[in-house]
Amino acid sequence: MSTRTEGERGESIACAYLQNKGYRLLRKNFRMGRYEIDLVMRDGDALVFIEVKARTGQGEISGREAVNHQKQQHIIRAAQGYMQRYGGFDAPARFDVAEVELQTGKVTHIPAAFTA
């Protein structure tokens, strides 16, 4: 399975998991230039920007570790672009990470994994 296919599968699993928790999907794979946000969702009043990290369980670093400072800055820039395009400045915003174990389908959701 290609990395892209694994990523898409991970995003679908994470999206379904979060929707089952009451989150509402607004956008998948929002792009602003070279920056991307995997999932943009609503959790109550909060606008949530979610980075999904799919893992095969073969010695990879955790999803939380993979979202380093540079990756966080890219997500923040994309989130700013999303809010400029679609609004949302009046809503509280949050940055979450969802790690998906592809072999089991287990999702580890980390709300407020980092801040802007």
N, C-alpha and C. Protein backbone atom coordinates (compact mmCIF):
# COMPACT_ATOMS: atom_id res chain seq x y z
N MET A 1 0.85 -1.18 0.00
CA MET A 1 0.00 0.00 0.00
C MET A 1 0.89 1.23 0.00
N SER A 2 0.59 2.21 -0.83
CA SER A 2 1.41 3.42 -0.92
C SER A 2 1.19 4.32 0.30
N THR A 3 2.13 5.20 0.53
CA THR A 3 2.03 6.14 1.64
C THR A 3 0.79 7.00 1.49
N ARG A 4 0.50 7.42 0.26
CA ARG A 4 -0.68 8.25 0.00
C ARG A 4 -1.96 7.48 0.34
N THR A 5 -2.02 6.22 -0.09
CA THR A 5 -3.20 5.40 0.18
C THR A 5 -3.36 5.17 1.68
N GLU A 6 -2.23 4.92 2.36
CA GLU A 6 -2.28 4.75 3.82
C GLU A 6 -2.80 6.02 4.49
N GLY A 7 -2.32 7.16 4.03
CA GLY A 7 -2.76 8.43 4.60
C GLY A 7 -4.24 8.67 4.39
N GLU A 8 -4.73 8.40 3.20
CA GLU A 8 -6.16 8.58 2.91
C GLU A 8 -7.01 7.64 3.76
N ARG A 9 -6.55 6.40 3.91
CA ARG A 9 -7.27 5.44 4.75
C ARG A 9 -7.28 5.90 6.21
N GLY A 10 -6.14 6.39 6.68
CA GLY A 10 -6.07 6.91 8.04
C GLY A 10 -7.00 8.09 8.26
N GLU A 11 -7.06 8.98 7.28
CA GLU A 11 -7.95 10.14 7.39
C GLU A 11 -9.41 9.71 7.45
N SER A 12 -9.79 8.72 6.65
CA SER A 12 -11.18 8.22 6.66
C SER A 12 -11.52 7.59 7.99
N ILE A 13 -10.60 6.81 8.54
CA ILE A 13 -10.83 6.17 9.84
C ILE A 13 -10.96 7.23 10.94
N ALA A 14 -10.04 8.20 10.95
CA ALA A 14 -10.08 9.27 11.96
C ALA A 14 -11.35 10.09 11.83
N CYS A 15 -11.74 10.41 10.61
CA CYS A 15 -12.95 11.21 10.39
C CYS A 15 -14.18 10.48 10.94
N ALA A 16 -14.32 9.21 10.63
CA ALA A 16 -15.46 8.44 11.12
C ALA A 16 -15.45 8.37 12.64
N TYR A 17 -14.28 8.16 13.22
CA TYR A 17 -14.14 8.09 14.68
C TYR A 17 -14.62 9.40 15.31
N LEU A 18 -14.15 10.52 14.78
CA LEU A 18 -14.50 11.81 15.35
C LEU A 18 -15.98 12.15 15.11
N GLN A 19 -16.52 11.77 13.96
CA GLN A 19 -17.95 12.00 13.72
C GLN A 19 -18.78 11.20 14.71
N ASN A 20 -18.33 10.00 15.05
CA ASN A 20 -19.04 9.19 16.05
C ASN A 20 -18.98 9.84 17.43
N LYS A 21 -17.98 10.70 17.66
CA LYS A 21 -17.87 11.44 18.92
C LYS A 21 -18.64 12.76 18.87
N GLY A 22 -19.31 13.04 17.74
CA GLY A 22 -20.13 14.24 17.63
C GLY A 22 -19.50 15.39 16.87
N TYR A 23 -18.30 15.20 16.34
CA TYR A 23 -17.68 16.24 15.53
C TYR A 23 -18.39 16.31 14.18
N ARG A 24 -18.40 17.50 13.60
CA ARG A 24 -19.02 17.69 12.29
C ARG A 24 -17.93 18.07 11.28
N LEU A 25 -17.85 17.32 10.20
CA LEU A 25 -16.84 17.57 9.17
C LEU A 25 -17.20 18.81 8.36
N LEU A 26 -16.24 19.71 8.22
CA LEU A 26 -16.40 20.89 7.37
C LEU A 26 -15.63 20.74 6.07
N ARG A 27 -14.37 20.27 6.15
CA ARG A 27 -13.54 20.10 4.96
C ARG A 27 -12.52 19.00 5.19
N LYS A 28 -12.19 18.30 4.11
CA LYS A 28 -11.09 17.35 4.11
C LYS A 28 -10.01 17.91 3.21
N ASN A 29 -8.77 17.75 3.62
CA ASN A 29 -7.61 18.12 2.81
C ASN A 29 -7.67 19.56 2.29
N PHE A 30 -7.89 20.50 3.21
CA PHE A 30 -7.86 21.91 2.83
C PHE A 30 -6.43 22.31 2.53
N ARG A 31 -6.23 22.90 1.36
CA ARG A 31 -4.89 23.34 0.94
C ARG A 31 -4.84 24.85 0.82
N MET A 32 -3.73 25.39 1.29
CA MET A 32 -3.42 26.79 1.08
C MET A 32 -1.96 26.82 0.63
N GLY A 33 -1.78 26.98 -0.66
CA GLY A 33 -0.43 26.89 -1.21
C GLY A 33 0.14 25.50 -0.98
N ARG A 34 1.29 25.43 -0.35
CA ARG A 34 1.91 24.13 -0.11
C ARG A 34 1.54 23.53 1.24
N TYR A 35 0.69 24.22 2.00
CA TYR A 35 0.28 23.75 3.32
C TYR A 35 -1.08 23.08 3.25
N GLU A 36 -1.27 22.09 4.11
CA GLU A 36 -2.53 21.34 4.09
C GLU A 36 -2.98 21.00 5.50
N ILE A 37 -4.29 20.96 5.66
CA ILE A 37 -4.91 20.48 6.89
C ILE A 37 -5.73 19.26 6.51
N ASP A 38 -5.51 18.16 7.20
CA ASP A 38 -6.19 16.91 6.85
C ASP A 38 -7.69 17.00 7.06
N LEU A 39 -8.11 17.44 8.24
CA LEU A 39 -9.54 17.54 8.55
C LEU A 39 -9.82 18.86 9.24
N VAL A 40 -10.88 19.53 8.81
CA VAL A 40 -11.39 20.71 9.51
C VAL A 40 -12.77 20.31 10.00
N MET A 41 -12.96 20.38 11.32
CA MET A 41 -14.21 19.91 11.91
C MET A 41 -14.71 20.90 12.94
N ARG A 42 -15.95 20.73 13.33
CA ARG A 42 -16.56 21.49 14.44
C ARG A 42 -16.76 20.53 15.60
N ASP A 43 -16.36 20.99 16.77
CA ASP A 43 -16.63 20.29 18.02
C ASP A 43 -17.38 21.28 18.89
N GLY A 44 -18.71 21.20 18.85
CA GLY A 44 -19.51 22.23 19.49
C GLY A 44 -19.27 23.54 18.79
N ASP A 45 -18.86 24.56 19.53
CA ASP A 45 -18.57 25.88 18.95
C ASP A 45 -17.15 25.97 18.40
N ALA A 46 -16.30 25.04 18.77
CA ALA A 46 -14.88 25.13 18.40
C ALA A 46 -14.64 24.69 16.96
N LEU A 47 -13.77 25.43 16.30
CA LEU A 47 -13.27 25.09 14.98
C LEU A 47 -11.99 24.30 15.21
N VAL A 48 -11.95 23.06 14.71
CA VAL A 48 -10.84 22.16 15.03
C VAL A 48 -10.09 21.78 13.76
N PHE A 49 -8.79 22.02 13.78
CA PHE A 49 -7.90 21.67 12.68
C PHE A 49 -7.15 20.42 13.11
N ILE A 50 -7.30 19.34 12.34
CA ILE A 50 -6.80 18.04 12.78
C ILE A 50 -5.77 17.50 11.80
N GLU A 51 -4.62 17.16 12.34
CA GLU A 51 -3.56 16.49 11.59
C GLU A 51 -3.68 15.00 11.88
N VAL A 52 -3.82 14.21 10.82
CA VAL A 52 -3.96 12.76 10.97
C VAL A 52 -2.63 12.11 10.61
N LYS A 53 -2.18 11.22 11.47
CA LYS A 53 -0.96 10.46 11.22
C LYS A 53 -1.31 8.98 11.23
N ALA A 54 -1.22 8.36 10.06
CA ALA A 54 -1.49 6.93 9.93
C ALA A 54 -0.19 6.18 10.22
N ARG A 55 -0.30 5.11 10.98
CA ARG A 55 0.87 4.32 11.36
C ARG A 55 0.61 2.85 11.07
N THR A 56 1.65 2.19 10.59
CA THR A 56 1.55 0.75 10.29
C THR A 56 2.06 -0.09 11.44
N GLY A 57 2.64 0.53 12.45
CA GLY A 57 3.14 -0.20 13.60
C GLY A 57 4.49 -0.83 13.38
N GLN A 58 5.25 -0.35 12.43
CA GLN A 58 6.54 -0.94 12.11
C GLN A 58 7.68 -0.02 12.54
N GLY A 59 7.74 0.28 13.83
CA GLY A 59 8.85 1.05 14.37
C GLY A 59 8.83 2.53 14.05
N GLU A 60 7.71 3.06 13.62
CA GLU A 60 7.62 4.48 13.29
C GLU A 60 7.50 5.31 14.56
N ILE A 61 7.90 6.57 14.47
CA ILE A 61 7.67 7.47 15.60
C ILE A 61 6.18 7.70 15.74
N SER A 62 5.76 8.12 16.91
CA SER A 62 4.33 8.34 17.15
C SER A 62 3.83 9.53 16.33
N GLY A 63 2.53 9.59 16.16
CA GLY A 63 1.92 10.71 15.45
C GLY A 63 2.21 12.02 16.12
N ARG A 64 2.17 12.03 17.44
CA ARG A 64 2.44 13.26 18.20
C ARG A 64 3.86 13.73 17.93
N GLU A 65 4.82 12.81 17.91
CA GLU A 65 6.22 13.17 17.65
C GLU A 65 6.42 13.66 16.22
N ALA A 66 5.65 13.11 15.29
CA ALA A 66 5.80 13.47 13.88
C ALA A 66 5.32 14.89 13.60
N VAL A 67 4.46 15.42 14.45
CA VAL A 67 3.96 16.78 14.26
C VAL A 67 4.90 17.72 15.03
N ASN A 68 6.08 17.91 14.45
CA ASN A 68 7.12 18.73 15.07
C ASN A 68 6.80 20.22 14.89
N HIS A 69 7.69 21.06 15.39
CA HIS A 69 7.45 22.51 15.36
C HIS A 69 7.23 23.02 13.93
N GLN A 70 8.04 22.56 13.00
CA GLN A 70 7.90 23.01 11.61
C GLN A 70 6.54 22.59 11.04
N LYS A 71 6.12 21.36 11.28
CA LYS A 71 4.82 20.88 10.80
C LYS A 71 3.70 21.69 11.46
N GLN A 72 3.84 21.98 12.74
CA GLN A 72 2.84 22.80 13.43
C GLN A 72 2.70 24.16 12.77
N GLN A 73 3.82 24.78 12.42
CA GLN A 73 3.78 26.09 11.78
C GLN A 73 3.07 26.03 10.43
N HIS A 74 3.27 24.96 9.69
CA HIS A 74 2.58 24.79 8.41
C HIS A 74 1.07 24.66 8.62
N ILE A 75 0.68 23.89 9.61
CA ILE A 75 -0.75 23.70 9.91
C ILE A 75 -1.36 25.02 10.35
N ILE A 76 -0.66 25.76 11.17
CA ILE A 76 -1.15 27.06 11.64
C ILE A 76 -1.34 28.02 10.46
N ARG A 77 -0.40 28.06 9.54
CA ARG A 77 -0.54 28.92 8.35
C ARG A 77 -1.75 28.51 7.51
N ALA A 78 -1.93 27.22 7.33
CA ALA A 78 -3.09 26.74 6.58
C ALA A 78 -4.39 27.09 7.30
N ALA A 79 -4.39 26.99 8.63
CA ALA A 79 -5.58 27.34 9.41
C ALA A 79 -5.90 28.82 9.27
N GLN A 80 -4.88 29.65 9.27
CA GLN A 80 -5.10 31.09 9.06
C GLN A 80 -5.72 31.33 7.68
N GLY A 81 -5.23 30.62 6.68
CA GLY A 81 -5.80 30.73 5.34
C GLY A 81 -7.24 30.27 5.29
N TYR A 82 -7.54 29.19 6.00
CA TYR A 82 -8.92 28.69 6.05
C TYR A 82 -9.84 29.75 6.66
N MET A 83 -9.41 30.33 7.78
CA MET A 83 -10.26 31.31 8.45
C MET A 83 -10.40 32.58 7.62
N GLN A 84 -9.38 32.97 6.88
CA GLN A 84 -9.50 34.13 6.00
C GLN A 84 -10.50 33.86 4.88
N ARG A 85 -10.48 32.64 4.37
CA ARG A 85 -11.36 32.28 3.26
C ARG A 85 -12.79 32.03 3.72
N TYR A 86 -12.96 31.33 4.85
CA TYR A 86 -14.30 30.88 5.26
C TYR A 86 -14.80 31.53 6.54
N GLY A 87 -14.01 32.36 7.17
CA GLY A 87 -14.41 32.94 8.44
C GLY A 87 -14.08 31.99 9.58
N GLY A 88 -14.55 32.33 10.75
CA GLY A 88 -14.30 31.49 11.90
C GLY A 88 -13.48 32.17 12.97
N PHE A 89 -13.14 33.47 12.76
CA PHE A 89 -12.35 34.19 13.74
C PHE A 89 -13.10 34.36 15.06
N ASP A 90 -14.43 34.33 15.00
CA ASP A 90 -15.22 34.51 16.21
C ASP A 90 -15.36 33.23 17.01
N ALA A 91 -14.95 32.10 16.46
CA ALA A 91 -15.06 30.82 17.15
C ALA A 91 -13.71 30.46 17.77
N PRO A 92 -13.74 29.77 18.91
CA PRO A 92 -12.47 29.27 19.44
C PRO A 92 -11.89 28.24 18.47
N ALA A 93 -10.58 28.26 18.29
CA ALA A 93 -9.92 27.32 17.38
C ALA A 93 -9.00 26.42 18.19
N ARG A 94 -8.81 25.20 17.67
CA ARG A 94 -7.99 24.21 18.36
C ARG A 94 -7.24 23.38 17.33
N PHE A 95 -6.07 22.90 17.71
CA PHE A 95 -5.26 22.05 16.85
C PHE A 95 -5.12 20.68 17.51
N ASP A 96 -5.68 19.66 16.86
CA ASP A 96 -5.65 18.29 17.37
C ASP A 96 -4.77 17.41 16.50
N VAL A 97 -4.35 16.30 17.04
CA VAL A 97 -3.67 15.27 16.28
C VAL A 97 -4.45 13.97 16.47
N ALA A 98 -4.65 13.24 15.39
CA ALA A 98 -5.27 11.92 15.46
C ALA A 98 -4.29 10.91 14.88
N GLU A 99 -3.87 9.98 15.71
CA GLU A 99 -2.97 8.93 15.27
C GLU A 99 -3.80 7.68 15.01
N VAL A 100 -3.64 7.09 13.82
CA VAL A 100 -4.43 5.92 13.45
C VAL A 100 -3.49 4.74 13.23
N GLU A 101 -3.75 3.66 13.96
CA GLU A 101 -3.01 2.41 13.76
C GLU A 101 -3.75 1.64 12.67
N LEU A 102 -3.17 1.58 11.49
CA LEU A 102 -3.86 1.02 10.33
C LEU A 102 -4.17 -0.46 10.47
N GLN A 103 -3.32 -1.22 11.14
CA GLN A 103 -3.56 -2.66 11.26
C GLN A 103 -4.78 -2.97 12.13
N THR A 104 -5.03 -2.12 13.13
CA THR A 104 -6.14 -2.39 14.05
C THR A 104 -7.31 -1.42 13.89
N GLY A 105 -7.06 -0.27 13.26
CA GLY A 105 -8.08 0.76 13.15
C GLY A 105 -8.21 1.60 14.41
N LYS A 106 -7.32 1.39 15.38
CA LYS A 106 -7.37 2.15 16.63
C LYS A 106 -6.98 3.60 16.39
N VAL A 107 -7.76 4.50 16.96
CA VAL A 107 -7.49 5.93 16.85
C VAL A 107 -7.11 6.47 18.22
N THR A 108 -6.01 7.18 18.28
CA THR A 108 -5.63 7.93 19.48
C THR A 108 -5.79 9.40 19.14
N HIS A 109 -6.77 10.02 19.77
CA HIS A 109 -7.10 11.42 19.50
C HIS A 109 -6.47 12.28 20.59
N ILE A 110 -5.72 13.30 20.17
CA ILE A 110 -5.06 14.20 21.11
C ILE A 110 -5.61 15.60 20.91
N PRO A 111 -6.64 15.97 21.68
CA PRO A 111 -7.19 17.31 21.56
C PRO A 111 -6.16 18.35 22.05
N ALA A 112 -6.17 19.51 21.41
CA ALA A 112 -5.27 20.61 21.79
C ALA A 112 -3.82 20.13 21.88
N ALA A 113 -3.39 19.41 20.86
CA ALA A 113 -2.03 18.85 20.84
C ALA A 113 -0.97 19.93 20.78
N PHE A 114 -1.31 21.08 20.19
CA PHE A 114 -0.41 22.23 20.17
C PHE A 114 -1.24 23.48 20.02
N THR A 115 -0.60 24.63 20.25
CA THR A 115 -1.30 25.90 20.15
C THR A 115 -0.61 26.82 19.15
N ALA A 116 -1.37 27.79 18.68
CA ALA A 116 -0.82 28.75 17.71
C ALA A 116 -0.03 29.81 18.41
